[in-house]
PDB file of N, CA and C in Angstrom:
ATOM      1  N   UNK A   1      20.766  -6.792  10.169  1.00  0.00           N
ATOM      2  CA  UNK A   1      19.831  -5.948  10.763  1.00  0.00           C
ATOM      3  C   UNK A   1      20.222  -4.520  10.188  1.00  0.00           C
ATOM      4  N   UNK A   2      19.244  -3.675   9.936  1.00  0.00           N
ATOM      5  CA  UNK A   2      19.509  -2.389   9.602  1.00  0.00           C
ATOM      6  C   UNK A   2      18.706  -1.415  10.199  1.00  0.00           C
ATOM      7  N   UNK A   3      18.862  -0.048  10.329  1.00  0.00           N
ATOM      8  CA  UNK A   3      18.153   0.928  10.791  1.00  0.00           C
ATOM      9  C   UNK A   3      17.834   1.899   9.847  1.00  0.00           C
ATOM     10  N   UNK A   4      16.439   2.312   9.679  1.00  0.00           N
ATOM     11  CA  UNK A   4      16.087   3.413   8.767  1.00  0.00           C
ATOM     12  C   UNK A   4      15.574   4.520   9.747  1.00  0.00           C
ATOM     13  N   UNK A   5      16.243   5.634   9.463  1.00  0.00           N
ATOM     14  CA  UNK A   5      15.919   6.835  10.272  1.00  0.00           C
ATOM     15  C   UNK A   5      15.566   8.035   9.582  1.00  0.00           C
ATOM     16  N   UNK A   6      14.391   8.744   9.844  1.00  0.00           N
ATOM     17  CA  UNK A   6      13.826   9.756   9.258  1.00  0.00           C
ATOM     18  C   UNK A   6      13.548  10.963  10.352  1.00  0.00           C
ATOM     19  N   UNK A   7      14.215  12.277   9.910  1.00  0.00           N
ATOM     20  CA  UNK A   7      13.837  13.380  10.766  1.00  0.00           C
ATOM     21  C   UNK A   7      12.807  14.217   9.989  1.00  0.00           C
ATOM     22  N   UNK A   8      11.890  14.575  10.465  1.00  0.00           N
ATOM     23  CA  UNK A   8      10.809  15.513   9.911  1.00  0.00           C
ATOM     24  C   UNK A   8      10.777  16.836  10.582  1.00  0.00           C
ATOM     25  N   UNK A   9      10.784  17.976   9.596  1.00  0.00           N
ATOM     26  CA  UNK A   9      10.363  19.253  10.119  1.00  0.00           C
ATOM     27  C   UNK A   9       8.831  19.422   9.549  1.00  0.00           C
ATOM     28  N   UNK A  10       8.007  19.969  10.426  1.00  0.00           N
ATOM     29  CA  UNK A  10       6.526  19.986  10.114  1.00  0.00           C
ATOM     30  C   UNK A  10       6.200  21.452   9.777  1.00  0.00           C
ATOM     31  N   UNK A  11       5.359  21.577   8.912  1.00  0.00           N
ATOM     32  CA  UNK A  11       4.722  22.945   8.504  1.00  0.00           C
ATOM     33  C   UNK A  11       4.367  23.620   9.701  1.00  0.00           C
ATOM     34  N   UNK A  12       3.566  22.899  10.619  1.00  0.00           N
ATOM     35  CA  UNK A  12       2.945  23.312  11.838  1.00  0.00           C
ATOM     36  C   UNK A  12       3.549  22.559  12.899  1.00  0.00           C
ATOM     37  N   UNK A  13       4.526  23.190  13.723  1.00  0.00           N
ATOM     38  CA  UNK A  13       5.178  22.227  14.713  1.00  0.00           C
ATOM     39  C   UNK A  13       4.591  22.528  16.283  1.00  0.00           C
ATOM     40  N   UNK A  14       3.208  22.708  16.220  1.00  0.00           N
ATOM     41  CA  UNK A  14       2.793  22.725  17.486  1.00  0.00           C
ATOM     42  C   UNK A  14       2.702  21.375  18.204  1.00  0.00           C
ATOM     43  N   UNK A  15       2.759  21.340  19.499  1.00  0.00           N
ATOM     44  CA  UNK A  15       2.804  20.127  20.226  1.00  0.00           C
ATOM     45  C   UNK A  15       1.625  19.124  19.858  1.00  0.00           C
ATOM     46  N   UNK A  16       0.405  19.649  19.409  1.00  0.00           N
ATOM     47  CA  UNK A  16      -0.810  18.831  19.028  1.00  0.00           C
ATOM     48  C   UNK A  16      -0.481  18.255  17.596  1.00  0.00           C
ATOM     49  N   UNK A  17       0.175  18.953  16.792  1.00  0.00           N
ATOM     50  CA  UNK A  17       0.480  18.327  15.371  1.00  0.00           C
ATOM     51  C   UNK A  17       1.539  17.415  15.428  1.00  0.00           C
ATOM     52  N   UNK A  18       2.585  17.569  16.278  1.00  0.00           N
ATOM     53  CA  UNK A  18       3.658  16.694  16.470  1.00  0.00           C
ATOM     54  C   UNK A  18       3.239  15.318  17.211  1.00  0.00           C
ATOM     55  N   UNK A  19       2.204  15.458  18.225  1.00  0.00           N
ATOM     56  CA  UNK A  19       1.780  14.243  18.786  1.00  0.00           C
ATOM     57  C   UNK A  19       0.882  13.478  17.809  1.00  0.00           C
ATOM     58  N   UNK A  20       0.161  14.192  16.992  1.00  0.00           N
ATOM     59  CA  UNK A  20      -0.780  13.514  15.976  1.00  0.00           C
ATOM     60  C   UNK A  20       0.265  12.693  15.030  1.00  0.00           C
ATOM     61  N   UNK A  21       1.216  13.308  14.518  1.00  0.00           N
ATOM     62  CA  UNK A  21       2.140  12.772  13.577  1.00  0.00           C
ATOM     63  C   UNK A  21       2.791  11.580  14.200  1.00  0.00           C
ATOM     64  N   UNK A  22       3.192  11.704  15.562  1.00  0.00           N
ATOM     65  CA  UNK A  22       3.705  10.658  16.234  1.00  0.00           C
ATOM     66  C   UNK A  22       2.888   9.281  16.285  1.00  0.00           C
ATOM     67  N   UNK A  23       1.585   9.678  16.589  1.00  0.00           N
ATOM     68  CA  UNK A  23       0.755   8.418  16.634  1.00  0.00           C
ATOM     69  C   UNK A  23       0.469   7.857  15.218  1.00  0.00           C
ATOM     70  N   UNK A  24       0.427   8.767  14.069  1.00  0.00           N
ATOM     71  CA  UNK A  24       0.231   8.074  12.682  1.00  0.00           C
ATOM     72  C   UNK A  24       1.418   7.182  12.354  1.00  0.00           C
ATOM     73  N   UNK A  25       2.737   7.761  12.777  1.00  0.00           N
ATOM     74  CA  UNK A  25       3.746   7.004  12.592  1.00  0.00           C
ATOM     75  C   UNK A  25       3.882   5.572  13.336  1.00  0.00           C
ATOM     76  N   UNK A  26       3.382   5.799  14.545  1.00  0.00           N
ATOM     77  CA  UNK A  26       3.456   4.494  15.397  1.00  0.00           C
ATOM     78  C   UNK A  26       2.386   3.514  15.056  1.00  0.00           C
ATOM     79  N   UNK A  27       1.337   4.016  14.226  1.00  0.00           N
ATOM     80  CA  UNK A  27       0.304   2.996  13.857  1.00  0.00           C
ATOM     81  C   UNK A  27       0.752   1.883  12.716  1.00  0.00           C
ATOM     82  N   UNK A  28       2.066   2.007  12.270  1.00  0.00           N
ATOM     83  CA  UNK A  28       2.479   1.191  11.472  1.00  0.00           C
ATOM     84  C   UNK A  28       2.860  -0.158  12.163  1.00  0.00           C
ATOM     85  N   UNK A  29       3.076  -0.095  13.654  1.00  0.00           N
ATOM     86  CA  UNK A  29       3.199  -1.253  14.269  1.00  0.00           C
ATOM     87  C   UNK A  29       2.046  -2.147  14.172  1.00  0.00           C
ATOM     88  N   UNK A  30       2.301  -3.422  13.716  1.00  0.00           N
ATOM     89  CA  UNK A  30       1.270  -4.194  13.517  1.00  0.00           C
ATOM     90  C   UNK A  30       0.598  -4.230  12.151  1.00  0.00           C
ATOM     91  N   UNK A  31       0.766  -3.084  11.443  1.00  0.00           N
ATOM     92  CA  UNK A  31       0.289  -2.928  10.138  1.00  0.00           C
ATOM     93  C   UNK A  31       1.315  -2.959   8.896  1.00  0.00           C
ATOM     94  N   UNK A  32       2.589  -2.923   9.287  1.00  0.00           N
ATOM     95  CA  UNK A  32       3.658  -3.032   8.237  1.00  0.00           C
ATOM     96  C   UNK A  32       4.541  -4.143   8.653  1.00  0.00           C
ATOM     97  N   UNK A  33       4.299  -5.378   8.190  1.00  0.00           N
ATOM     98  CA  UNK A  33       5.009  -6.545   8.674  1.00  0.00           C
ATOM     99  C   UNK A  33       6.421  -6.738   8.697  1.00  0.00           C
ATOM    100  N   UNK A  34       7.137  -6.109   7.871  1.00  0.00           N
ATOM    101  CA  UNK A  34       8.447  -6.318   7.604  1.00  0.00           C
ATOM    102  C   UNK A  34       9.289  -5.553   8.792  1.00  0.00           C
ATOM    103  N   UNK A  35       8.570  -4.758   9.579  1.00  0.00           N
ATOM    104  CA  UNK A  35       9.317  -3.947  10.539  1.00  0.00           C
ATOM    105  C   UNK A  35       9.583  -4.710  11.680  1.00  0.00           C
ATOM    106  N   UNK A  36      10.745  -4.871  12.092  1.00  0.00           N
ATOM    107  CA  UNK A  36      11.251  -5.458  13.379  1.00  0.00           C
ATOM    108  C   UNK A  36      10.986  -4.673  14.608  1.00  0.00           C
ATOM    109  N   UNK A  37      11.183  -3.312  14.582  1.00  0.00           N
ATOM    110  CA  UNK A  37      11.002  -2.317  15.728  1.00  0.00           C
ATOM    111  C   UNK A  37      10.649  -1.112  15.088  1.00  0.00           C
ATOM    112  N   UNK A  38      10.101  -0.310  15.907  1.00  0.00           N
ATOM    113  CA  UNK A  38       9.705   1.139  15.535  1.00  0.00           C
ATOM    114  C   UNK A  38       9.994   1.919  16.896  1.00  0.00           C
ATOM    115  N   UNK A  39      10.553   3.120  16.623  1.00  0.00           N
ATOM    116  CA  UNK A  39      10.742   4.150  17.744  1.00  0.00           C
ATOM    117  C   UNK A  39      10.177   5.464  17.174  1.00  0.00           C
ATOM    118  N   UNK A  40       9.405   6.261  17.896  1.00  0.00           N
ATOM    119  CA  UNK A  40       9.274   7.558  17.300  1.00  0.00           C
ATOM    120  C   UNK A  40       9.360   8.700  18.417  1.00  0.00           C
ATOM    121  N   UNK A  41       9.998   9.684  18.195  1.00  0.00           N
ATOM    122  CA  UNK A  41      10.397  10.719  19.187  1.00  0.00           C
ATOM    123  C   UNK A  41       9.867  12.045  18.611  1.00  0.00           C
ATOM    124  N   UNK A  42       9.490  13.048  19.656  1.00  0.00           N
ATOM    125  CA  UNK A  42       9.172  14.394  19.584  1.00  0.00           C
ATOM    126  C   UNK A  42      10.138  15.318  20.125  1.00  0.00           C
ATOM    127  N   UNK A  43      10.481  16.198  19.275  1.00  0.00           N
ATOM    128  CA  UNK A  43      11.555  17.261  19.856  1.00  0.00           C
ATOM    129  C   UNK A  43      10.833  18.161  20.998  1.00  0.00           C
ATOM    130  N   UNK A  44      11.704  18.380  22.107  1.00  0.00           N
ATOM    131  CA  UNK A  44      11.161  19.308  23.092  1.00  0.00           C
ATOM    132  C   UNK A  44      11.817  20.526  23.112  1.00  0.00           C
ATOM    133  N   UNK A  45      13.134  20.557  22.564  1.00  0.00           N
ATOM    134  CA  UNK A  45      13.988  21.668  22.564  1.00  0.00           C
ATOM    135  C   UNK A  45      13.348  23.027  21.920  1.00  0.00           C
ATOM    136  N   UNK A  46      12.963  22.515  20.487  1.00  0.00           N
ATOM    137  CA  UNK A  46      12.460  23.587  19.717  1.00  0.00           C
ATOM    138  C   UNK A  46      13.432  24.814  19.268  1.00  0.00           C
ATOM    139  N   UNK A  47      14.746  24.311  19.188  1.00  0.00           N
ATOM    140  CA  UNK A  47      15.771  25.241  18.679  1.00  0.00           C
ATOM    141  C   UNK A  47      15.575  25.470  17.039  1.00  0.00           C
ATOM    142  N   UNK A  48      16.248  26.531  16.636  1.00  0.00           N
ATOM    143  CA  UNK A  48      16.148  26.642  15.139  1.00  0.00           C
ATOM    144  C   UNK A  48      16.629  25.458  14.262  1.00  0.00           C
ATOM    145  N   UNK A  49      17.662  24.845  14.770  1.00  0.00           N
ATOM    146  CA  UNK A  49      18.287  23.670  14.049  1.00  0.00           C
ATOM    147  C   UNK A  49      17.403  22.380  14.271  1.00  0.00           C
ATOM    148  N   UNK A  50      16.491  22.207  15.146  1.00  0.00           N
ATOM    149  CA  UNK A  50      15.877  21.088  15.528  1.00  0.00           C
ATOM    150  C   UNK A  50      14.863  20.659  14.504  1.00  0.00           C
ATOM    151  N   UNK A  51      14.810  19.338  14.239  1.00  0.00           N
ATOM    152  CA  UNK A  51      13.793  18.644  13.561  1.00  0.00           C
ATOM    153  C   UNK A  51      12.641  18.364  14.602  1.00  0.00           C
ATOM    154  N   UNK A  52      11.349  18.233  14.287  1.00  0.00           N
ATOM    155  CA  UNK A  52      10.210  18.047  14.986  1.00  0.00           C
ATOM    156  C   UNK A  52       9.903  16.599  15.444  1.00  0.00           C
ATOM    157  N   UNK A  53      10.101  15.644  14.690  1.00  0.00           N
ATOM    158  CA  UNK A  53       9.786  14.288  14.839  1.00  0.00           C
ATOM    159  C   UNK A  53      10.777  13.462  14.213  1.00  0.00           C
ATOM    160  N   UNK A  54      11.229  12.411  14.998  1.00  0.00           N
ATOM    161  CA  UNK A  54      12.184  11.354  14.441  1.00  0.00           C
ATOM    162  C   UNK A  54      11.499   9.925  14.383  1.00  0.00           C
ATOM    163  N   UNK A  55      11.702   9.191  13.328  1.00  0.00           N
ATOM    164  CA  UNK A  55      11.065   7.883  13.015  1.00  0.00           C
ATOM    165  C   UNK A  55      12.353   7.069  13.001  1.00  0.00           C
ATOM    166  N   UNK A  56      12.467   5.953  13.691  1.00  0.00           N
ATOM    167  CA  UNK A  56      13.543   4.865  13.634  1.00  0.00           C
ATOM    168  C   UNK A  56      12.868   3.701  13.576  1.00  0.00           C
ATOM    169  N   UNK A  57      13.229   2.922  12.470  1.00  0.00           N
ATOM    170  CA  UNK A  57      12.652   1.585  12.066  1.00  0.00           C
ATOM    171  C   UNK A  57      13.808   0.612  11.914  1.00  0.00           C
ATOM    172  N   UNK A  58      13.658  -0.610  12.563  1.00  0.00           N
ATOM    173  CA  UNK A  58      14.602  -1.618  12.299  1.00  0.00           C
ATOM    174  C   UNK A  58      14.108  -2.695  11.246  1.00  0.00           C
ATOM    175  N   UNK A  59      14.929  -3.008  10.449  1.00  0.00           N
ATOM    176  CA  UNK A  59      14.433  -4.012   9.306  1.00  0.00           C
ATOM    177  C   UNK A  59      15.496  -4.939   9.084  1.00  0.00           C
ATOM    178  N   UNK A  60      15.382  -6.057   8.434  1.00  0.00           N
ATOM    179  CA  UNK A  60      16.261  -7.183   8.388  1.00  0.00           C
ATOM    180  C   UNK A  60      17.476  -6.638   7.406  1.00  0.00           C
ATOM    181  N   UNK A  61      17.145  -6.098   6.131  1.00  0.00           N
ATOM    182  CA  UNK A  61      18.017  -5.777   5.172  1.00  0.00           C
ATOM    183  C   UNK A  61      17.467  -4.849   4.018  1.00  0.00           C
ATOM    184  N   UNK A  62      18.169  -4.635   3.019  1.00  0.00           N
ATOM    185  CA  UNK A  62      17.839  -3.678   2.027  1.00  0.00           C
ATOM    186  C   UNK A  62      16.556  -4.159   1.184  1.00  0.00           C
ATOM    187  N   UNK A  63      16.471  -5.454   1.178  1.00  0.00           N
ATOM    188  CA  UNK A  63      15.176  -6.000   0.544  1.00  0.00           C
ATOM    189  C   UNK A  63      13.970  -5.644   1.407  1.00  0.00           C
ATOM    190  N   UNK A  64      14.013  -5.818   2.716  1.00  0.00           N
ATOM    191  CA  UNK A  64      13.045  -5.369   3.548  1.00  0.00           C
ATOM    192  C   UNK A  64      12.659  -3.914   3.512  1.00  0.00           C
ATOM    193  N   UNK A  65      13.748  -3.134   3.500  1.00  0.00           N
ATOM    194  CA  UNK A  65      13.577  -1.665   3.117  1.00  0.00           C
ATOM    195  C   UNK A  65      12.789  -1.236   1.884  1.00  0.00           C
ATOM    196  N   UNK A  66      13.064  -2.085   0.795  1.00  0.00           N
ATOM    197  CA  UNK A  66      12.299  -1.775  -0.421  1.00  0.00           C
ATOM    198  C   UNK A  66      10.958  -2.147  -0.239  1.00  0.00           C
ATOM    199  N   UNK A  67      10.678  -3.314   0.308  1.00  0.00           N
ATOM    200  CA  UNK A  67       9.205  -3.845   0.746  1.00  0.00           C
ATOM    201  C   UNK A  67       8.489  -2.763   1.452  1.00  0.00           C
ATOM    202  N   UNK A  68       9.277  -2.366   2.491  1.00  0.00           N
ATOM    203  CA  UNK A  68       8.667  -1.401   3.493  1.00  0.00           C
ATOM    204  C   UNK A  68       8.328  -0.050   2.758  1.00  0.00           C
ATOM    205  N   UNK A  69       9.108   0.386   1.904  1.00  0.00           N
ATOM    206  CA  UNK A  69       8.993   1.627   1.113  1.00  0.00           C
ATOM    207  C   UNK A  69       7.563   1.405   0.153  1.00  0.00           C
ATOM    208  N   UNK A  70       7.259   0.323  -0.137  1.00  0.00           N
ATOM    209  CA  UNK A  70       6.212  -0.101  -1.136  1.00  0.00           C
ATOM    210  C   UNK A  70       5.149  -0.586  -0.410  1.00  0.00           C
ATOM    211  N   UNK A  71       5.150  -0.943   0.919  1.00  0.00           N
ATOM    212  CA  UNK A  71       4.068  -1.361   1.723  1.00  0.00           C
ATOM    213  C   UNK A  71       2.707  -0.519   1.540  1.00  0.00           C
ATOM    214  N   UNK A  72       1.499  -1.143   1.241  1.00  0.00           N
ATOM    215  CA  UNK A  72       0.357  -0.278   1.174  1.00  0.00           C
ATOM    216  C   UNK A  72       0.023   0.595   2.297  1.00  0.00           C
ATOM    217  N   UNK A  73       0.152   0.064   3.463  1.00  0.00           N
ATOM    218  CA  UNK A  73      -0.216   0.880   4.594  1.00  0.00           C
ATOM    219  C   UNK A  73       0.700   2.098   4.881  1.00  0.00           C
ATOM    220  N   UNK A  74       1.959   1.793   4.605  1.00  0.00           N
ATOM    221  CA  UNK A  74       2.989   2.717   4.841  1.00  0.00           C
ATOM    222  C   UNK A  74       2.743   3.928   3.780  1.00  0.00           C
ATOM    223  N   UNK A  75       2.494   3.482   2.467  1.00  0.00           N
ATOM    224  CA  UNK A  75       2.296   4.377   1.454  1.00  0.00           C
ATOM    225  C   UNK A  75       0.946   5.157   1.660  1.00  0.00           C
ATOM    226  N   UNK A  76      -0.170   4.571   1.779  1.00  0.00           N
ATOM    227  CA  UNK A  76      -1.596   5.119   1.679  1.00  0.00           C
ATOM    228  C   UNK A  76      -1.959   5.797   2.898  1.00  0.00           C
ATOM    229  N   UNK A  77      -1.367   5.503   4.275  1.00  0.00           N
ATOM    230  CA  UNK A  77      -1.777   6.058   5.370  1.00  0.00           C
ATOM    231  C   UNK A  77      -0.529   7.085   5.829  1.00  0.00           C
ATOM    232  N   UNK A  78       0.619   6.473   6.004  1.00  0.00           N
ATOM    233  CA  UNK A  78       1.685   7.126   6.681  1.00  0.00           C
ATOM    234  C   UNK A  78       2.287   8.123   5.712  1.00  0.00           C
ATOM    235  N   UNK A  79       2.677   7.673   4.488  1.00  0.00           N
ATOM    236  CA  UNK A  79       3.327   8.794   3.662  1.00  0.00           C
ATOM    237  C   UNK A  79       2.365   9.814   3.237  1.00  0.00           C
ATOM    238  N   UNK A  80       1.021   9.368   3.170  1.00  0.00           N
ATOM    239  CA  UNK A  80       0.030  10.454   2.712  1.00  0.00           C
ATOM    240  C   UNK A  80      -0.116  11.552   3.830  1.00  0.00           C
ATOM    241  N   UNK A  81      -0.143  10.974   4.935  1.00  0.00           N
ATOM    242  CA  UNK A  81      -0.113  12.078   6.124  1.00  0.00           C
ATOM    243  C   UNK A  81       1.071  12.867   6.121  1.00  0.00           C
ATOM    244  N   UNK A  82       2.301  12.282   6.068  1.00  0.00           N
ATOM    245  CA  UNK A  82       3.608  12.921   6.079  1.00  0.00           C
ATOM    246  C   UNK A  82       3.802  13.870   5.215  1.00  0.00           C
ATOM    247  N   UNK A  83       3.373  13.601   3.835  1.00  0.00           N
ATOM    248  CA  UNK A  83       3.450  14.427   2.721  1.00  0.00           C
ATOM    249  C   UNK A  83       2.578  15.687   2.983  1.00  0.00           C
ATOM    250  N   UNK A  84       1.535  15.633   3.577  1.00  0.00           N
ATOM    251  CA  UNK A  84       0.579  16.705   3.927  1.00  0.00           C
ATOM    252  C   UNK A  84       0.987  17.653   5.019  1.00  0.00           C
ATOM    253  N   UNK A  85       1.872  16.946   6.108  1.00  0.00           N
ATOM    254  CA  UNK A  85       2.189  17.958   7.104  1.00  0.00           C
ATOM    255  C   UNK A  85       3.593  18.317   7.259  1.00  0.00           C
ATOM    256  N   UNK A  86       4.485  17.697   6.404  1.00  0.00           N
ATOM    257  CA  UNK A  86       5.970  17.985   6.616  1.00  0.00           C
ATOM    258  C   UNK A  86       6.381  19.101   5.663  1.00  0.00           C
ATOM    259  N   UNK A  87       7.499  19.856   6.154  1.00  0.00           N
ATOM    260  CA  UNK A  87       8.038  20.835   5.400  1.00  0.00           C
ATOM    261  C   UNK A  87       9.216  20.212   4.658  1.00  0.00           C
ATOM    262  N   UNK A  88      10.015  19.390   5.511  1.00  0.00           N
ATOM    263  CA  UNK A  88      11.068  18.834   4.817  1.00  0.00           C
ATOM    264  C   UNK A  88      11.503  17.415   5.707  1.00  0.00           C
ATOM    265  N   UNK A  89      12.342  16.766   5.217  1.00  0.00           N
ATOM    266  CA  UNK A  89      12.784  15.511   5.932  1.00  0.00           C
ATOM    267  C   UNK A  89      14.212  15.212   5.423  1.00  0.00           C
ATOM    268  N   UNK A  90      14.940  14.585   6.325  1.00  0.00           N
ATOM    269  CA  UNK A  90      16.406  13.922   6.050  1.00  0.00           C
ATOM    270  C   UNK A  90      16.316  12.390   6.367  1.00  0.00           C
ATOM    271  N   UNK A  91      17.085  11.614   5.781  1.00  0.00           N
ATOM    272  CA  UNK A  91      16.957  10.173   6.304  1.00  0.00           C
ATOM    273  C   UNK A  91      18.355   9.613   6.249  1.00  0.00           C
ATOM    274  N   UNK A  92      18.518   8.716   6.823  1.00  0.00           N
ATOM    275  CA  UNK A  92      19.734   7.791   7.172  1.00  0.00           C
ATOM    276  C   UNK A  92      19.383   6.223   7.254  1.00  0.00           C
ATOM    277  N   UNK A  93      20.002   5.547   6.410  1.00  0.00           N
ATOM    278  CA  UNK A  93      19.842   4.163   6.419  1.00  0.00           C
ATOM    279  C   UNK A  93      21.387   3.453   6.657  1.00  0.00           C
ATOM    280  N   UNK A  94      21.330   2.521   7.726  1.00  0.00           N
ATOM    281  CA  UNK A  94      22.665   1.956   8.010  1.00  0.00           C
ATOM    282  C   UNK A  94      22.485   0.580   8.423  1.00  0.00           C
ATOM    283  N   UNK A  95      23.495  -0.248   8.334  1.00  0.00           N
ATOM    284  CA  UNK A  95      23.473  -1.691   8.955  1.00  0.00           C
ATOM    285  C   UNK A  95      23.986  -1.544  10.412  1.00  0.00           C
ATOM    286  N   UNK A  96      23.290  -2.300  11.379  1.00  0.00           N
ATOM    287  CA  UNK A  96      23.826  -2.429  12.626  1.00  0.00           C
ATOM    288  C   UNK A  96      25.011  -3.328  12.652  1.00  0.00           C
ATOM    289  N   UNK A  97      25.956  -3.112  13.538  1.00  0.00           N
ATOM    290  CA  UNK A  97      27.103  -3.868  13.728  1.00  0.00           C
ATOM    291  C   UNK A  97      26.764  -5.161  14.540  1.00  0.00           C
TER     292      UNK A  97
END
């Protein structure tokens, strides 16, 4: 098993926009079949170094990660939304022990 984590800084980091983005990310549940689990969190601290939203997805392996990156729902719905609202992002992919 592996974990795919992405932290997003949003152009508009209002609570309304963060919560809308959270719902879009969570909408992958049931629509992106290779995901084993998904968690989405919204920052409450709002410090200068904070990111606004975190996405954590569990997948079987790198092959599943590649399929996830190309999944039509992920690309056409989620990535489309994220590219519209995000200022920047950072990611980390690692295997669970």
